[in-house]
Each structure stands twice: as structure tokens, then as C-alpha cells.
Amino acid sequence: SGMIDPNTGMPLAGAGADGNKGVSSDIESKLRNVQGPHGMVWSCTQCEYTSPKKFNAQAHVEAKHLEYSETYKCEFCNHTCYTKNAIRKHLRRCQKAGQNLMLRM
């Protein structure tokens, strides 16, 4: 069975349960929680990026430092994304556009 996006409640196309384990561990292996000048931050081990929010640091690593053999396809418009964060953002926009279109009919 496919993974469900917690933000949209929709299945992530191309995101099988077994396929995501490697991606998650790859992301985690490139992050460290370190003391910054104003508290703890998540630091990318591949570059100088830091963020106080783990989600932002994970999205950074996924977008900038991982290579993918898998893509994520929008079930509404077939748009292809290369990261989970990108498909989450796209699905929010795509669903909103679809809702607006239906309201006009």
C-alpha cells in the first residue's frame, strides 16, 4: 500500500512503504542537531545550511543533496515532482485550484 501525505490526506503517488525507508535514512544521515548562536538548530552536513525547524532542514536535504530514482505524480493533473516536499506543495495548490473551479460551475 502507498504512503499517505499527512498534510493532504492523499496518497503519495510512487511512494511505496519500502521505497521511502532509504530516503528517510538518507535525509537523517545528512542532518545534525547542533547548538547555534540562539539555541539548537538542524545543520546540514553537506553545506552551511541551518534551520531551527527539522522539517525545513529535511526538505533542504531532500531537494539539494539527494538523487532520486523515484518520482511523485499528482493524481489530479499528472504533474511530476522529484521530492516529497514538492508534491505536498503541489497537491495543496492543485486541490485548491480544483475546488475553486468547482465553485464556479
PDB file of N, CA and C in Angstrom:
ATOM      1  N   SER A   1       0.841  -1.194   0.000  1.00  0.00           N
ATOM      2  CA  SER A   1       0.000   0.000   0.000  1.00  0.00           C
ATOM      3  C   SER A   1       0.875   1.243   0.000  1.00  0.00           C
ATOM      4  N   GLY A   2       0.358   2.377  -0.519  1.00  0.00           N
ATOM      5  CA  GLY A   2       1.126   3.606  -0.633  1.00  0.00           C
ATOM      6  C   GLY A   2       1.101   4.422   0.641  1.00  0.00           C
ATOM      7  N   MET A   3       2.002   5.367   0.715  1.00  0.00           N
ATOM      8  CA  MET A   3       2.072   6.258   1.872  1.00  0.00           C
ATOM      9  C   MET A   3       1.040   7.362   1.709  1.00  0.00           C
ATOM     10  N   ILE A   4       0.504   7.855   2.829  1.00  0.00           N
ATOM     11  CA  ILE A   4      -0.471   8.929   2.837  1.00  0.00           C
ATOM     12  C   ILE A   4       0.218  10.212   3.276  1.00  0.00           C
ATOM     13  N   ASP A   5      -0.016  11.282   2.539  1.00  0.00           N
ATOM     14  CA  ASP A   5       0.542  12.585   2.888  1.00  0.00           C
ATOM     15  C   ASP A   5      -0.228  13.121   4.098  1.00  0.00           C
ATOM     16  N   PRO A   6       0.451  13.385   5.233  1.00  0.00           N
ATOM     17  CA  PRO A   6      -0.254  13.861   6.419  1.00  0.00           C
ATOM     18  C   PRO A   6      -0.841  15.261   6.250  1.00  0.00           C
ATOM     19  N   ASN A   7      -0.343  16.039   5.313  1.00  0.00           N
ATOM     20  CA  ASN A   7      -0.853  17.393   5.096  1.00  0.00           C
ATOM     21  C   ASN A   7      -2.111  17.421   4.247  1.00  0.00           C
ATOM     22  N   THR A   8      -2.221  16.466   3.319  1.00  0.00           N
ATOM     23  CA  THR A   8      -3.363  16.485   2.407  1.00  0.00           C
ATOM     24  C   THR A   8      -4.300  15.316   2.605  1.00  0.00           C
ATOM     25  N   GLY A   9      -3.819  14.242   3.246  1.00  0.00           N
ATOM     26  CA  GLY A   9      -4.623  13.040   3.391  1.00  0.00           C
ATOM     27  C   GLY A   9      -4.685  12.222   2.117  1.00  0.00           C
ATOM     28  N   MET A  10      -3.933  12.621   1.108  1.00  0.00           N
ATOM     29  CA  MET A  10      -3.948  11.947  -0.182  1.00  0.00           C
ATOM     30  C   MET A  10      -2.765  11.001  -0.289  1.00  0.00           C
ATOM     31  N   PRO A  11      -2.915   9.925  -1.083  1.00  0.00           N
ATOM     32  CA  PRO A  11      -1.770   9.026  -1.282  1.00  0.00           C
ATOM     33  C   PRO A  11      -0.653   9.730  -2.040  1.00  0.00           C
ATOM     34  N   LEU A  12       0.574   9.409  -1.697  1.00  0.00           N
ATOM     35  CA  LEU A  12       1.721   9.926  -2.428  1.00  0.00           C
ATOM     36  C   LEU A  12       1.992   8.963  -3.573  1.00  0.00           C
ATOM     37  N   ALA A  13       1.782   9.430  -4.786  1.00  0.00           N
ATOM     38  CA  ALA A  13       1.995   8.583  -5.961  1.00  0.00           C
ATOM     39  C   ALA A  13       3.449   8.176  -6.041  1.00  0.00           C
ATOM     40  N   GLY A  14       3.693   6.903  -6.285  1.00  0.00           N
ATOM     41  CA  GLY A  14       5.059   6.417  -6.414  1.00  0.00           C
ATOM     42  C   GLY A  14       5.785   6.263  -5.097  1.00  0.00           C
ATOM     43  N   ALA A  15       5.088   6.429  -3.984  1.00  0.00           N
ATOM     44  CA  ALA A  15       5.742   6.385  -2.684  1.00  0.00           C
ATOM     45  C   ALA A  15       5.353   5.113  -1.952  1.00  0.00           C
ATOM     46  N   GLY A  16       5.933   4.027  -2.330  1.00  0.00           N
ATOM     47  CA  GLY A  16       5.684   2.773  -1.635  1.00  0.00           C
ATOM     48  C   GLY A  16       6.359   2.767  -0.285  1.00  0.00           C
ATOM     49  N   ALA A  17       5.817   2.014   0.655  1.00  0.00           N
ATOM     50  CA  ALA A  17       6.347   1.992   2.013  1.00  0.00           C
ATOM     51  C   ALA A  17       7.819   1.575   2.027  1.00  0.00           C
ATOM     52  N   ASP A  18       8.184   0.577   1.259  1.00  0.00           N
ATOM     53  CA  ASP A  18       9.572   0.123   1.248  1.00  0.00           C
ATOM     54  C   ASP A  18      10.488   1.136   0.582  1.00  0.00           C
ATOM     55  N   GLY A  19      10.010   1.842  -0.433  1.00  0.00           N
ATOM     56  CA  GLY A  19      10.832   2.792  -1.165  1.00  0.00           C
ATOM     57  C   GLY A  19      11.219   4.010  -0.365  1.00  0.00           C
ATOM     58  N   ASN A  20      10.434   4.384   0.637  1.00  0.00           N
ATOM     59  CA  ASN A  20      10.720   5.594   1.389  1.00  0.00           C
ATOM     60  C   ASN A  20      11.678   5.384   2.548  1.00  0.00           C
ATOM     61  N   LYS A  21      11.894   4.143   2.988  1.00  0.00           N
ATOM     62  CA  LYS A  21      12.779   3.903   4.119  1.00  0.00           C
ATOM     63  C   LYS A  21      14.190   4.394   3.816  1.00  0.00           C
ATOM     64  N   GLY A  22      14.684   4.130   2.621  1.00  0.00           N
ATOM     65  CA  GLY A  22      16.020   4.561   2.243  1.00  0.00           C
ATOM     66  C   GLY A  22      16.131   6.068   2.161  1.00  0.00           C
ATOM     67  N   VAL A  23      15.101   6.731   1.635  1.00  0.00           N
ATOM     68  CA  VAL A  23      15.106   8.188   1.516  1.00  0.00           C
ATOM     69  C   VAL A  23      15.149   8.821   2.897  1.00  0.00           C
ATOM     70  N   SER A  24      14.313   8.339   3.813  1.00  0.00           N
ATOM     71  CA  SER A  24      14.278   8.907   5.161  1.00  0.00           C
ATOM     72  C   SER A  24      15.618   8.744   5.864  1.00  0.00           C
ATOM     73  N   SER A  25      16.227   7.572   5.744  1.00  0.00           N
ATOM     74  CA  SER A  25      17.515   7.369   6.410  1.00  0.00           C
ATOM     75  C   SER A  25      18.617   8.187   5.733  1.00  0.00           C
ATOM     76  N   ASP A  26      18.524   8.369   4.404  1.00  0.00           N
ATOM     77  CA  ASP A  26      19.493   9.219   3.697  1.00  0.00           C
ATOM     78  C   ASP A  26      19.392  10.665   4.177  1.00  0.00           C
ATOM     79  N   ILE A  27      18.180  11.145   4.360  1.00  0.00           N
ATOM     80  CA  ILE A  27      17.971  12.514   4.840  1.00  0.00           C
ATOM     81  C   ILE A  27      18.527  12.650   6.256  1.00  0.00           C
ATOM     82  N   GLU A  28      18.139  11.735   7.139  1.00  0.00           N
ATOM     83  CA  GLU A  28      18.579  11.804   8.535  1.00  0.00           C
ATOM     84  C   GLU A  28      20.104  11.740   8.653  1.00  0.00           C
ATOM     85  N   SER A  29      20.744  10.966   7.772  1.00  0.00           N
ATOM     86  CA  SER A  29      22.198  10.825   7.856  1.00  0.00           C
ATOM     87  C   SER A  29      22.930  12.120   7.485  1.00  0.00           C
ATOM     88  N   LYS A  30      22.231  13.047   6.858  1.00  0.00           N
ATOM     89  CA  LYS A  30      22.846  14.304   6.434  1.00  0.00           C
ATOM     90  C   LYS A  30      22.462  15.486   7.332  1.00  0.00           C
ATOM     91  N   LEU A  31      21.857  15.192   8.483  1.00  0.00           N
ATOM     92  CA  LEU A  31      21.453  16.240   9.420  1.00  0.00           C
ATOM     93  C   LEU A  31      22.066  16.006  10.792  1.00  0.00           C
ATOM     94  N   ARG A  32      22.366  17.116  11.464  1.00  0.00           N
ATOM     95  CA  ARG A  32      22.812  17.071  12.853  1.00  0.00           C
ATOM     96  C   ARG A  32      22.088  18.160  13.624  1.00  0.00           C
ATOM     97  N   ASN A  33      21.751  17.887  14.865  1.00  0.00           N
ATOM     98  CA  ASN A  33      21.165  18.881  15.753  1.00  0.00           C
ATOM     99  C   ASN A  33      22.303  19.472  16.565  1.00  0.00           C
ATOM    100  N   VAL A  34      22.584  20.764  16.364  1.00  0.00           N
ATOM    101  CA  VAL A  34      23.743  21.397  16.994  1.00  0.00           C
ATOM    102  C   VAL A  34      23.346  22.705  17.676  1.00  0.00           C
ATOM    103  N   GLN A  35      24.204  23.157  18.559  1.00  0.00           N
ATOM    104  CA  GLN A  35      23.983  24.430  19.243  1.00  0.00           C
ATOM    105  C   GLN A  35      24.321  25.575  18.304  1.00  0.00           C
ATOM    106  N   GLY A  36      23.345  26.453  18.051  1.00  0.00           N
ATOM    107  CA  GLY A  36      23.573  27.650  17.255  1.00  0.00           C
ATOM    108  C   GLY A  36      23.707  28.846  18.177  1.00  0.00           C
ATOM    109  N   PRO A  37      23.897  30.040  17.627  1.00  0.00           N
ATOM    110  CA  PRO A  37      24.071  31.236  18.466  1.00  0.00           C
ATOM    111  C   PRO A  37      22.829  31.576  19.299  1.00  0.00           C
ATOM    112  N   HIS A  38      21.640  31.122  18.844  1.00  0.00           N
ATOM    113  CA  HIS A  38      20.394  31.449  19.544  1.00  0.00           C
ATOM    114  C   HIS A  38      19.614  30.197  19.938  1.00  0.00           C
ATOM    115  N   GLY A  39      20.294  29.084  20.143  1.00  0.00           N
ATOM    116  CA  GLY A  39      19.622  27.846  20.520  1.00  0.00           C
ATOM    117  C   GLY A  39      19.973  26.723  19.563  1.00  0.00           C
ATOM    118  N   MET A  40      19.304  25.598  19.742  1.00  0.00           N
ATOM    119  CA  MET A  40      19.573  24.423  18.922  1.00  0.00           C
ATOM    120  C   MET A  40      19.036  24.623  17.504  1.00  0.00           C
ATOM    121  N   VAL A  41      19.815  24.157  16.523  1.00  0.00           N
ATOM    122  CA  VAL A  41      19.418  24.226  15.114  1.00  0.00           C
ATOM    123  C   VAL A  41      19.738  22.903  14.440  1.00  0.00           C
ATOM    124  N   TRP A  42      19.077  22.655  13.332  1.00  0.00           N
ATOM    125  CA  TRP A  42      19.372  21.498  12.490  1.00  0.00           C
ATOM    126  C   TRP A  42      20.357  21.954  11.434  1.00  0.00           C
ATOM    127  N   SER A  43      21.469  21.249  11.335  1.00  0.00           N
ATOM    128  CA  SER A  43      22.555  21.614  10.444  1.00  0.00           C
ATOM    129  C   SER A  43      22.740  20.541   9.377  1.00  0.00           C
ATOM    130  N   CYS A  44      22.868  20.986   8.134  1.00  0.00           N
ATOM    131  CA  CYS A  44      23.149  20.091   7.019  1.00  0.00           C
ATOM    132  C   CYS A  44      24.641  19.756   7.044  1.00  0.00           C
ATOM    133  N   THR A  45      24.966  18.463   6.950  1.00  0.00           N
ATOM    134  CA  THR A  45      26.368  18.053   6.960  1.00  0.00           C
ATOM    135  C   THR A  45      27.035  18.229   5.599  1.00  0.00           C
ATOM    136  N   GLN A  46      26.242  18.559   4.570  1.00  0.00           N
ATOM    137  CA  GLN A  46      26.761  18.678   3.215  1.00  0.00           C
ATOM    138  C   GLN A  46      27.082  20.121   2.820  1.00  0.00           C
ATOM    139  N   CYS A  47      26.535  21.089   3.568  1.00  0.00           N
ATOM    140  CA  CYS A  47      26.760  22.507   3.250  1.00  0.00           C
ATOM    141  C   CYS A  47      26.557  23.331   4.523  1.00  0.00           C
ATOM    142  N   GLU A  48      26.456  24.621   4.404  1.00  0.00           N
ATOM    143  CA  GLU A  48      26.347  25.517   5.562  1.00  0.00           C
ATOM    144  C   GLU A  48      24.913  25.774   6.011  1.00  0.00           C
ATOM    145  N   TYR A  49      23.918  25.118   5.405  1.00  0.00           N
ATOM    146  CA  TYR A  49      22.510  25.372   5.730  1.00  0.00           C
ATOM    147  C   TYR A  49      22.189  24.974   7.168  1.00  0.00           C
ATOM    148  N   THR A  50      21.452  25.837   7.875  1.00  0.00           N
ATOM    149  CA  THR A  50      20.914  25.523   9.193  1.00  0.00           C
ATOM    150  C   THR A  50      19.484  26.033   9.288  1.00  0.00           C
ATOM    151  N   SER A  51      18.704  25.398  10.155  1.00  0.00           N
ATOM    152  CA  SER A  51      17.335  25.827  10.404  1.00  0.00           C
ATOM    153  C   SER A  51      16.932  25.392  11.808  1.00  0.00           C
ATOM    154  N   PRO A  52      16.174  26.235  12.502  1.00  0.00           N
ATOM    155  CA  PRO A  52      15.672  25.803  13.814  1.00  0.00           C
ATOM    156  C   PRO A  52      14.579  24.729  13.673  1.00  0.00           C
ATOM    157  N   LYS A  53      14.015  24.579  12.477  1.00  0.00           N
ATOM    158  CA  LYS A  53      12.935  23.612  12.254  1.00  0.00           C
ATOM    159  C   LYS A  53      13.458  22.403  11.487  1.00  0.00           C
ATOM    160  N   LYS A  54      13.258  21.228  12.070  1.00  0.00           N
ATOM    161  CA  LYS A  54      13.744  19.991  11.454  1.00  0.00           C
ATOM    162  C   LYS A  54      13.110  19.767  10.088  1.00  0.00           C
ATOM    163  N   PHE A  55      11.800  20.047   9.955  1.00  0.00           N
ATOM    164  CA  PHE A  55      11.123  19.838   8.671  1.00  0.00           C
ATOM    165  C   PHE A  55      11.802  20.633   7.562  1.00  0.00           C
ATOM    166  N   ASN A  56      12.161  21.891   7.834  1.00  0.00           N
ATOM    167  CA  ASN A  56      12.822  22.721   6.825  1.00  0.00           C
ATOM    168  C   ASN A  56      14.188  22.151   6.443  1.00  0.00           C
ATOM    169  N   ALA A  57      14.926  21.666   7.436  1.00  0.00           N
ATOM    170  CA  ALA A  57      16.234  21.076   7.161  1.00  0.00           C
ATOM    171  C   ALA A  57      16.086  19.789   6.349  1.00  0.00           C
ATOM    172  N   GLN A  58      15.071  18.973   6.671  1.00  0.00           N
ATOM    173  CA  GLN A  58      14.822  17.756   5.906  1.00  0.00           C
ATOM    174  C   GLN A  58      14.458  18.085   4.457  1.00  0.00           C
ATOM    175  N   ALA A  59      13.605  19.091   4.266  1.00  0.00           N
ATOM    176  CA  ALA A  59      13.228  19.497   2.910  1.00  0.00           C
ATOM    177  C   ALA A  59      14.439  19.998   2.134  1.00  0.00           C
ATOM    178  N   HIS A  60      15.326  20.737   2.808  1.00  0.00           N
ATOM    179  CA  HIS A  60      16.555  21.224   2.176  1.00  0.00           C
ATOM    180  C   HIS A  60      17.408  20.056   1.682  1.00  0.00           C
ATOM    181  N   VAL A  61      17.658  19.084   2.562  1.00  0.00           N
ATOM    182  CA  VAL A  61      18.494  17.932   2.197  1.00  0.00           C
ATOM    183  C   VAL A  61      17.854  17.171   1.038  1.00  0.00           C
ATOM    184  N   GLU A  62      16.559  16.947   1.124  1.00  0.00           N
ATOM    185  CA  GLU A  62      15.861  16.207   0.070  1.00  0.00           C
ATOM    186  C   GLU A  62      15.993  16.912  -1.282  1.00  0.00           C
ATOM    187  N   ALA A  63      15.838  18.229  -1.282  1.00  0.00           N
ATOM    188  CA  ALA A  63      15.855  18.993  -2.534  1.00  0.00           C
ATOM    189  C   ALA A  63      17.266  19.211  -3.085  1.00  0.00           C
ATOM    190  N   LYS A  64      18.250  19.375  -2.209  1.00  0.00           N
ATOM    191  CA  LYS A  64      19.580  19.791  -2.655  1.00  0.00           C
ATOM    192  C   LYS A  64      20.638  18.695  -2.683  1.00  0.00           C
ATOM    193  N   HIS A  65      20.482  17.654  -1.865  1.00  0.00           N
ATOM    194  CA  HIS A  65      21.591  16.719  -1.702  1.00  0.00           C
ATOM    195  C   HIS A  65      21.263  15.258  -1.966  1.00  0.00           C
ATOM    196  N   LEU A  66      20.064  14.937  -2.399  1.00  0.00           N
ATOM    197  CA  LEU A  66      19.723  13.547  -2.698  1.00  0.00           C
ATOM    198  C   LEU A  66      19.439  13.380  -4.184  1.00  0.00           C
ATOM    199  N   GLU A  67      19.803  12.234  -4.713  1.00  0.00           N
ATOM    200  CA  GLU A  67      19.453  11.891  -6.091  1.00  0.00           C
ATOM    201  C   GLU A  67      18.343  10.862  -6.035  1.00  0.00           C
ATOM    202  N   TYR A  68      17.376  10.990  -6.917  1.00  0.00           N
ATOM    203  CA  TYR A  68      16.201  10.132  -6.853  1.00  0.00           C
ATOM    204  C   TYR A  68      16.052   9.288  -8.094  1.00  0.00           C
ATOM    205  N   SER A  69      15.653   8.051  -7.858  1.00  0.00           N
ATOM    206  CA  SER A  69      15.278   7.179  -8.970  1.00  0.00           C
ATOM    207  C   SER A  69      13.760   7.126  -9.061  1.00  0.00           C
ATOM    208  N   GLU A  70      13.079   7.718  -8.072  1.00  0.00           N
ATOM    209  CA  GLU A  70      11.627   7.673  -7.976  1.00  0.00           C
ATOM    210  C   GLU A  70      11.067   9.093  -8.101  1.00  0.00           C
ATOM    211  N   THR A  71       9.892   9.200  -8.700  1.00  0.00           N
ATOM    212  CA  THR A  71       9.214  10.489  -8.794  1.00  0.00           C
ATOM    213  C   THR A  71       7.835  10.364  -8.152  1.00  0.00           C
ATOM    214  N   TYR A  72       7.212  11.503  -7.910  1.00  0.00           N
ATOM    215  CA  TYR A  72       5.884  11.567  -7.311  1.00  0.00           C
ATOM    216  C   TYR A  72       4.964  12.261  -8.315  1.00  0.00           C
ATOM    217  N   LYS A  73       3.856  11.616  -8.658  1.00  0.00           N
ATOM    218  CA  LYS A  73       2.952  12.140  -9.668  1.00  0.00           C
ATOM    219  C   LYS A  73       1.638  12.569  -9.030  1.00  0.00           C
ATOM    220  N   CYS A  74       1.155  13.762  -9.384  1.00  0.00           N
ATOM    221  CA  CYS A  74      -0.126  14.271  -8.900  1.00  0.00           C
ATOM    222  C   CYS A  74      -1.250  13.463  -9.535  1.00  0.00           C
ATOM    223  N   GLU A  75      -2.143  12.944  -8.701  1.00  0.00           N
ATOM    224  CA  GLU A  75      -3.245  12.145  -9.238  1.00  0.00           C
ATOM    225  C   GLU A  75      -4.329  13.004  -9.877  1.00  0.00           C
ATOM    226  N   PHE A  76      -4.274  14.312  -9.699  1.00  0.00           N
ATOM    227  CA  PHE A  76      -5.282  15.195 -10.282  1.00  0.00           C
ATOM    228  C   PHE A  76      -4.881  15.698 -11.668  1.00  0.00           C
ATOM    229  N   CYS A  77      -3.590  16.027 -11.847  1.00  0.00           N
ATOM    230  CA  CYS A  77      -3.189  16.632 -13.123  1.00  0.00           C
ATOM    231  C   CYS A  77      -1.974  15.956 -13.761  1.00  0.00           C
ATOM    232  N   ASN A  78      -1.435  14.904 -13.128  1.00  0.00           N
ATOM    233  CA  ASN A  78      -0.274  14.158 -13.620  1.00  0.00           C
ATOM    234  C   ASN A  78       1.037  14.943 -13.609  1.00  0.00           C
ATOM    235  N   HIS A  79       1.088  16.058 -12.908  1.00  0.00           N
ATOM    236  CA  HIS A  79       2.333  16.810 -12.748  1.00  0.00           C
ATOM    237  C   HIS A  79       3.339  15.936 -11.993  1.00  0.00           C
ATOM    238  N   THR A  80       4.600  15.936 -12.391  1.00  0.00           N
ATOM    239  CA  THR A  80       5.635  15.131 -11.758  1.00  0.00           C
ATOM    240  C   THR A  80       6.512  15.998 -10.861  1.00  0.00           C
ATOM    241  N   CYS A  81       6.759  15.507  -9.638  1.00  0.00           N
ATOM    242  CA  CYS A  81       7.666  16.164  -8.696  1.00  0.00           C
ATOM    243  C   CYS A  81       8.754  15.175  -8.309  1.00  0.00           C
ATOM    244  N   TYR A  82       9.896  15.713  -7.897  1.00  0.00           N
ATOM    245  CA  TYR A  82      11.037  14.874  -7.567  1.00  0.00           C
ATOM    246  C   TYR A  82      11.282  14.736  -6.073  1.00  0.00           C
ATOM    247  N   THR A  83      10.555  15.500  -5.249  1.00  0.00           N
ATOM    248  CA  THR A  83      10.701  15.382  -3.798  1.00  0.00           C
ATOM    249  C   THR A  83       9.321  15.312  -3.151  1.00  0.00           C
ATOM    250  N   LYS A  84       9.280  14.735  -1.938  1.00  0.00           N
ATOM    251  CA  LYS A  84       8.011  14.663  -1.205  1.00  0.00           C
ATOM    252  C   LYS A  84       7.505  16.059  -0.863  1.00  0.00           C
ATOM    253  N   ASN A  85       8.410  16.948  -0.496  1.00  0.00           N
ATOM    254  CA  ASN A  85       8.002  18.302  -0.155  1.00  0.00           C
ATOM    255  C   ASN A  85       7.389  19.005  -1.368  1.00  0.00           C
ATOM    256  N   ALA A  86       7.965  18.801  -2.533  1.00  0.00           N
ATOM    257  CA  ALA A  86       7.433  19.436  -3.742  1.00  0.00           C
ATOM    258  C   ALA A  86       6.033  18.914  -4.074  1.00  0.00           C
ATOM    259  N   ILE A  87       5.803  17.606  -3.924  1.00  0.00           N
ATOM    260  CA  ILE A  87       4.466  17.084  -4.237  1.00  0.00           C
ATOM    261  C   ILE A  87       3.450  17.551  -3.199  1.00  0.00           C
ATOM    262  N   ARG A  88       3.871  17.698  -1.931  1.00  0.00           N
ATOM    263  CA  ARG A  88       2.960  18.235  -0.905  1.00  0.00           C
ATOM    264  C   ARG A  88       2.487  19.625  -1.291  1.00  0.00           C
ATOM    265  N   LYS A  89       3.447  20.484  -1.645  1.00  0.00           N
ATOM    266  CA  LYS A  89       3.096  21.858  -2.031  1.00  0.00           C
ATOM    267  C   LYS A  89       2.225  21.865  -3.278  1.00  0.00           C
ATOM    268  N   HIS A  90       2.589  21.051  -4.262  1.00  0.00           N
ATOM    269  CA  HIS A  90       1.816  20.998  -5.497  1.00  0.00           C
ATOM    270  C   HIS A  90       0.389  20.532  -5.228  1.00  0.00           C
ATOM    271  N   LEU A  91       0.232  19.474  -4.416  1.00  0.00           N
ATOM    272  CA  LEU A  91      -1.107  18.947  -4.135  1.00  0.00           C
ATOM    273  C   LEU A  91      -1.988  19.992  -3.465  1.00  0.00           C
ATOM    274  N   ARG A  92      -1.420  20.771  -2.562  1.00  0.00           N
ATOM    275  CA  ARG A  92      -2.210  21.839  -1.927  1.00  0.00           C
ATOM    276  C   ARG A  92      -2.708  22.835  -2.976  1.00  0.00           C
ATOM    277  N   ARG A  93      -1.807  23.253  -3.873  1.00  0.00           N
ATOM    278  CA  ARG A  93      -2.194  24.211  -4.916  1.00  0.00           C
ATOM    279  C   ARG A  93      -3.174  23.591  -5.900  1.00  0.00           C
ATOM    280  N   CYS A  94      -2.924  22.363  -6.297  1.00  0.00           N
ATOM    281  CA  CYS A  94      -3.747  21.696  -7.294  1.00  0.00           C
ATOM    282  C   CYS A  94      -5.156  21.450  -6.745  1.00  0.00           C
ATOM    283  N   GLN A  95      -5.248  20.996  -5.503  1.00  0.00           N
ATOM    284  CA  GLN A  95      -6.557  20.765  -4.895  1.00  0.00           C
ATOM    285  C   GLN A  95      -7.314  22.076  -4.734  1.00  0.00           C
ATOM    286  N   LYS A  96      -6.614  23.136  -4.331  1.00  0.00           N
ATOM    287  CA  LYS A  96      -7.248  24.443  -4.157  1.00  0.00           C
ATOM    288  C   LYS A  96      -7.776  24.951  -5.504  1.00  0.00           C
ATOM    289  N   ALA A  97      -6.980  24.802  -6.565  1.00  0.00           N
ATOM    290  CA  ALA A  97      -7.411  25.227  -7.897  1.00  0.00           C
ATOM    291  C   ALA A  97      -8.625  24.428  -8.314  1.00  0.00           C
ATOM    292  N   GLY A  98      -8.641  23.134  -8.047  1.00  0.00           N
ATOM    293  CA  GLY A  98      -9.786  22.289  -8.394  1.00  0.00           C
ATOM    294  C   GLY A  98     -11.020  22.672  -7.633  1.00  0.00           C
ATOM    295  N   GLN A  99     -10.874  23.010  -6.358  1.00  0.00           N
ATOM    296  CA  GLN A  99     -12.015  23.447  -5.552  1.00  0.00           C
ATOM    297  C   GLN A  99     -12.556  24.769  -6.076  1.00  0.00           C
ATOM    298  N   ASN A 100     -11.674  25.704  -6.421  1.00  0.00           N
ATOM    299  CA  ASN A 100     -12.113  26.978  -6.968  1.00  0.00           C
ATOM    300  C   ASN A 100     -12.857  26.794  -8.283  1.00  0.00           C
ATOM    301  N   LEU A 101     -12.370  25.895  -9.139  1.00  0.00           N
ATOM    302  CA  LEU A 101     -13.022  25.620 -10.401  1.00  0.00           C
ATOM    303  C   LEU A 101     -14.414  25.048 -10.166  1.00  0.00           C
ATOM    304  N   MET A 102     -14.554  24.149  -9.226  1.00  0.00           N
ATOM    305  CA  MET A 102     -15.848  23.529  -8.948  1.00  0.00           C
ATOM    306  C   MET A 102     -16.829  24.556  -8.380  1.00  0.00           C
ATOM    307  N   LEU A 103     -16.345  25.518  -7.603  1.00  0.00           N
ATOM    308  CA  LEU A 103     -17.218  26.555  -7.050  1.00  0.00           C
ATOM    309  C   LEU A 103     -17.796  27.438  -8.136  1.00  0.00           C
ATOM    310  N   ARG A 104     -17.067  27.619  -9.231  1.00  0.00           N
ATOM    311  CA  ARG A 104     -17.517  28.487 -10.332  1.00  0.00           C
ATOM    312  C   ARG A 104     -18.566  27.818 -11.199  1.00  0.00           C
ATOM    313  N   MET A 105     -18.650  26.491 -11.166  1.00  0.00           N
ATOM    314  CA  MET A 105     -19.571  25.769 -12.038  1.00  0.00           C
ATOM    315  C   MET A 105     -20.997  25.870 -11.564  1.00  0.00           C
TER     316      MET A 105
END
